[in-house]
């Protein structure tokens, strides 16, 4: 169950530490009782500090080196007192990421090849059309006030 009253916002992840901000929308006297888990095991070293200027609590979650592995590793952040999940964050590494990048690169190459073929076909139409069609097309485009895209 997610909380509607408690808001968790990611601030950044730097040097192996995930940083966020927690705010309770209804109570100013609220104090978080946070637990962060990975594969149902508690993550040690989580710190929470009140930021009275920004009126929220800052949370810092150090990512244990022994929790980083191939694939997607998801960390769940919950408030024990309210018994609600506040959010989660994931780290993607290794072969799973490499496969995703390879698939995306293959897709981009296919799209680029398609654009090259289309451009070559359009250029061939222009060459085959000859100067008369190009002049006529420019004249018609100028009369219509349109910016030319491709010949008909």
Protein backbone atom coordinates (compact mmCIF):
# COMPACT_ATOMS: atom_id res chain seq x y z
CA UNK A 1 0.00 0.00 0.00
CA UNK A 2 1.35 3.42 -0.99
CA UNK A 3 0.84 6.49 1.16
CA UNK A 4 -1.17 9.53 0.10
CA UNK A 5 -0.12 11.54 3.16
CA UNK A 6 3.65 10.90 3.02
CA UNK A 7 5.56 12.16 0.01
CA UNK A 8 8.98 10.76 -0.97
CA UNK A 9 10.99 12.70 -3.55
CA UNK A 10 14.26 11.57 -5.10
CA UNK A 11 16.92 14.27 -4.93
CA UNK A 12 19.91 12.53 -6.50
CA UNK A 13 22.20 9.53 -6.45
CA UNK A 14 25.88 10.30 -6.09
CA UNK A 15 28.95 8.36 -4.99
CA UNK A 16 26.89 5.25 -4.27
CA UNK A 17 24.37 7.02 -2.03
CA UNK A 18 20.71 7.58 -2.93
CA UNK A 19 19.36 10.88 -1.52
CA UNK A 20 15.72 11.79 -1.06
CA UNK A 21 13.31 14.01 0.85
CA UNK A 22 10.30 12.89 2.89
CA UNK A 23 7.39 15.09 3.89
CA UNK A 24 4.11 14.36 5.67
CA UNK A 25 1.33 16.50 4.18
CA UNK A 26 -0.95 16.46 7.19
CA UNK A 27 1.18 16.56 10.32
CA UNK A 28 4.00 18.93 11.19
CA UNK A 29 4.98 16.85 14.26
CA UNK A 30 5.45 13.66 12.23
CA UNK A 31 8.77 11.83 12.49
CA UNK A 32 9.63 9.13 9.95
CA UNK A 33 10.48 5.58 10.97
CA UNK A 34 12.07 4.45 7.72
CA UNK A 35 13.21 1.02 6.63
CA UNK A 36 14.95 0.34 3.31
CA UNK A 37 15.05 -3.22 2.03
CA UNK A 38 16.62 -5.08 -0.87
CA UNK A 39 15.32 -8.61 -1.55
CA UNK A 40 13.48 -8.40 1.80
CA UNK A 41 16.72 -7.75 3.74
CA UNK A 42 17.26 -4.46 5.57
CA UNK A 43 19.88 -2.08 4.19
CA UNK A 44 22.27 -0.82 6.89
CA UNK A 45 23.56 2.74 7.24
CA UNK A 46 20.38 4.61 6.26
CA UNK A 47 20.40 8.12 7.74
CA UNK A 48 17.50 10.52 8.24
CA UNK A 49 17.89 14.18 9.20
CA UNK A 50 15.30 16.87 9.69
CA UNK A 51 15.69 19.91 7.42
CA UNK A 52 13.74 22.68 9.18
CA UNK A 53 14.45 25.23 6.47
CA UNK A 54 12.95 23.09 3.68
CA UNK A 55 10.39 21.58 6.10
CA UNK A 56 11.11 17.97 5.21
CA UNK A 57 13.31 15.06 6.25
CA UNK A 58 16.40 14.13 4.24
CA UNK A 59 17.12 10.46 3.74
CA UNK A 60 20.43 9.00 2.57
CA UNK A 61 20.64 5.34 1.53
CA UNK A 62 24.15 3.99 0.97
CA UNK A 63 24.13 1.26 -1.68
CA UNK A 64 26.07 -1.70 -0.24
CA UNK A 65 28.64 -3.01 -2.69
CA UNK A 66 27.51 -6.58 -2.03
CA UNK A 67 24.00 -5.66 -3.27
CA UNK A 68 25.18 -4.58 -6.74
CA UNK A 69 24.87 -7.39 -9.29
CA UNK A 70 23.88 -8.08 -12.89
CA UNK A 71 20.29 -7.22 -13.66
CA UNK A 72 17.86 -4.91 -11.91
CA UNK A 73 18.28 -4.42 -8.16
CA UNK A 74 15.31 -2.71 -6.50
CA UNK A 75 15.41 -1.03 -3.09
CA UNK A 76 12.08 -0.47 -1.31
CA UNK A 77 11.58 2.46 1.10
CA UNK A 78 8.80 2.15 3.66
CA UNK A 79 7.63 3.82 6.85
CA UNK A 80 7.38 1.23 9.62
CA UNK A 81 5.16 3.34 11.87
CA UNK A 82 2.56 4.03 9.15
CA UNK A 83 3.17 0.57 7.59
CA UNK A 84 3.21 1.98 4.05
CA UNK A 85 5.58 1.78 1.11
CA UNK A 86 6.81 5.28 0.27
CA UNK A 87 8.63 4.40 -2.93
CA UNK A 88 11.54 2.54 -4.43
CA UNK A 89 14.57 2.98 -6.64
CA UNK A 90 16.42 0.59 -8.89
CA UNK A 91 19.94 0.07 -10.15
CA UNK A 92 20.47 -1.65 -13.51
CA UNK A 93 23.85 -3.19 -14.25
CA UNK A 94 25.65 -5.88 -16.17
CA UNK A 95 24.30 -8.03 -18.96
CA UNK A 96 20.68 -6.95 -18.63
CA UNK A 97 21.69 -3.36 -19.32
CA UNK A 98 24.01 -4.36 -22.15
CA UNK A 99 21.19 -6.28 -23.87
CA UNK A 100 18.84 -3.29 -23.58
CA UNK A 101 21.47 -0.97 -25.05
CA UNK A 102 22.22 -3.40 -27.89
CA UNK A 103 18.53 -3.70 -28.72
CA UNK A 104 18.11 0.09 -28.71
CA UNK A 105 21.20 0.52 -30.91
CA UNK A 106 19.89 -2.07 -33.38
CA UNK A 107 16.57 -0.24 -33.55
CA UNK A 108 18.29 3.11 -34.13
CA UNK A 109 20.42 1.61 -36.93
CA UNK A 110 17.32 0.20 -38.63
CA UNK A 111 15.60 3.59 -38.44
CA UNK A 112 18.68 5.31 -39.85
CA UNK A 113 18.84 2.84 -42.75
CA UNK A 114 15.16 3.48 -43.48
CA UNK A 115 15.77 7.24 -43.52
CA UNK A 116 18.75 6.80 -45.86
CA UNK A 117 16.64 4.73 -48.30
CA UNK A 118 13.82 7.28 -48.18
CA UNK A 119 16.22 10.16 -48.75
CA UNK A 120 17.87 8.35 -51.67
CA UNK A 121 14.47 7.61 -53.23
CA UNK A 122 13.37 11.22 -52.84
CA UNK A 123 16.63 12.47 -54.36
CA UNK A 124 16.19 10.06 -57.28
CA UNK A 125 12.68 11.43 -57.90
CA UNK A 126 14.13 14.94 -58.08
CA UNK A 127 16.86 13.91 -60.51
CA UNK A 128 14.48 11.93 -62.71
CA UNK A 129 11.91 14.74 -62.69
CA UNK A 130 14.25 17.07 -64.45
CA UNK A 131 14.47 20.85 -64.29
CA UNK A 132 10.98 21.48 -65.75
CA UNK A 133 9.14 19.69 -62.91
CA UNK A 134 11.32 21.32 -60.29
CA UNK A 135 10.67 24.80 -61.73
CA UNK A 136 6.92 24.10 -61.98
CA UNK A 137 6.83 22.75 -58.42
CA UNK A 138 8.67 25.80 -57.06
CA UNK A 139 6.27 28.09 -58.91
CA UNK A 140 3.22 26.27 -57.48
CA UNK A 141 4.70 26.33 -53.96
CA UNK A 142 5.45 30.04 -54.20
CA UNK A 143 1.89 30.73 -55.40
CA UNK A 144 0.41 28.73 -52.51
CA UNK A 145 2.69 30.37 -49.95
CA UNK A 146 3.71 26.98 -48.65
CA UNK A 147 7.18 25.86 -47.82
CA UNK A 148 8.10 23.00 -50.16
CA UNK A 149 8.70 19.55 -48.73
CA UNK A 150 8.72 16.98 -51.52
CA UNK A 151 7.81 17.04 -55.19
CA UNK A 152 4.60 15.41 -56.39
